[in-house]
Amino acid sequence: MPHDSTDQIAMCRELADEADRRASTSGHETARKDYELLAQSWQRLALSYQFSSHLERFLRSDRATQRQSRITRPKWC
């Protein structure tokens, strides 16, 4: 099922930014590292959603191109 991942990407980036802010203000080394790791995870998830969205658009475009070439190509080809 196709989905619009723009909102998901934005949310992941916001959560990554929030984790970065918490990392920068944390007084404990362990908490700082945990927040940095959390920020990286949110950033990776945002990239994954972005890749998925690009791939979905590419596949839709490719299918449309294939359908169009079947319509315009003579049967003897």
Protein backbone atom coordinates (compact mmCIF):
# COMPACT_ATOMS: atom_id res chain seq x y z
CA MET A 1 0.00 0.00 0.00
CA PRO A 2 1.55 3.35 -1.01
CA HIS A 3 2.06 5.86 1.74
CA ASP A 4 3.20 9.46 2.03
CA SER A 5 6.30 9.29 4.19
CA THR A 6 6.90 13.06 4.32
CA ASP A 7 5.30 13.31 7.77
CA GLN A 8 7.19 10.26 9.00
CA ILE A 9 10.51 11.68 7.79
CA ALA A 10 9.80 15.04 9.44
CA MET A 11 8.82 13.39 12.72
CA CYS A 12 11.98 11.26 12.77
CA ARG A 13 14.13 14.33 12.14
CA GLU A 14 12.37 16.25 14.91
CA LEU A 15 12.95 13.38 17.32
CA ALA A 16 16.60 13.20 16.25
CA ASP A 17 16.98 16.94 16.90
CA GLU A 18 15.36 16.56 20.31
CA ALA A 19 17.71 13.69 21.20
CA ASP A 20 20.68 15.82 20.06
CA ARG A 21 19.50 18.70 22.28
CA ARG A 22 19.17 16.37 25.25
CA ALA A 23 22.62 14.93 24.57
CA SER A 24 24.16 18.38 24.52
CA THR A 25 22.55 19.37 27.83
CA SER A 26 23.04 16.10 29.68
CA GLY A 27 25.38 16.21 32.64
CA HIS A 28 25.94 12.46 32.67
CA GLU A 29 28.28 10.82 30.20
CA THR A 30 26.15 7.66 29.92
CA ALA A 31 22.95 9.62 29.26
CA ARG A 32 24.76 11.81 26.70
CA LYS A 33 25.98 8.75 24.81
CA ASP A 34 22.53 7.17 24.96
CA TYR A 35 20.91 10.31 23.54
CA GLU A 36 23.53 10.51 20.79
CA LEU A 37 22.82 6.90 19.88
CA LEU A 38 19.09 7.60 19.92
CA ALA A 39 19.57 10.62 17.62
CA GLN A 40 21.57 8.49 15.17
CA SER A 41 18.84 5.86 15.19
CA TRP A 42 16.14 8.45 14.43
CA GLN A 43 18.29 9.87 11.62
CA ARG A 44 18.77 6.40 10.12
CA LEU A 45 15.05 5.75 10.27
CA ALA A 46 14.36 9.06 8.50
CA LEU A 47 16.83 8.08 5.76
CA SER A 48 15.16 4.69 5.47
CA TYR A 49 11.74 6.29 4.99
CA GLN A 50 13.24 8.68 2.44
CA PHE A 51 14.86 5.84 0.50
CA SER A 52 11.64 3.85 0.59
CA SER A 53 9.71 6.83 -0.77
CA HIS A 54 12.19 7.36 -3.62
CA LEU A 55 12.15 3.67 -4.48
CA GLU A 56 8.36 3.59 -4.50
CA ARG A 57 8.24 6.58 -6.90
CA PHE A 58 10.87 4.99 -9.14
CA LEU A 59 8.98 1.70 -9.33
CA ARG A 60 5.69 3.46 -10.13
CA SER A 61 7.42 5.46 -12.85
CA ASP A 62 9.11 2.35 -14.26
CA ARG A 63 5.80 0.45 -14.37
CA ALA A 64 4.13 3.36 -16.15
CA THR A 65 6.98 3.47 -18.68
CA GLN A 66 6.67 -0.27 -19.29
CA ARG A 67 2.91 0.01 -19.82
CA GLN A 68 3.40 2.90 -22.21
CA SER A 69 6.03 1.00 -24.22
CA ARG A 70 3.66 -1.97 -24.56
CA ILE A 71 0.97 0.33 -25.89
CA THR A 72 3.16 2.04 -28.49
CA ARG A 73 5.34 -0.90 -29.56
CA PRO A 74 4.21 -2.81 -32.66
CA LYS A 75 3.35 -6.44 -32.05
CA TRP A 76 6.08 -7.70 -34.40
CA CYS A 77 8.82 -6.24 -32.11
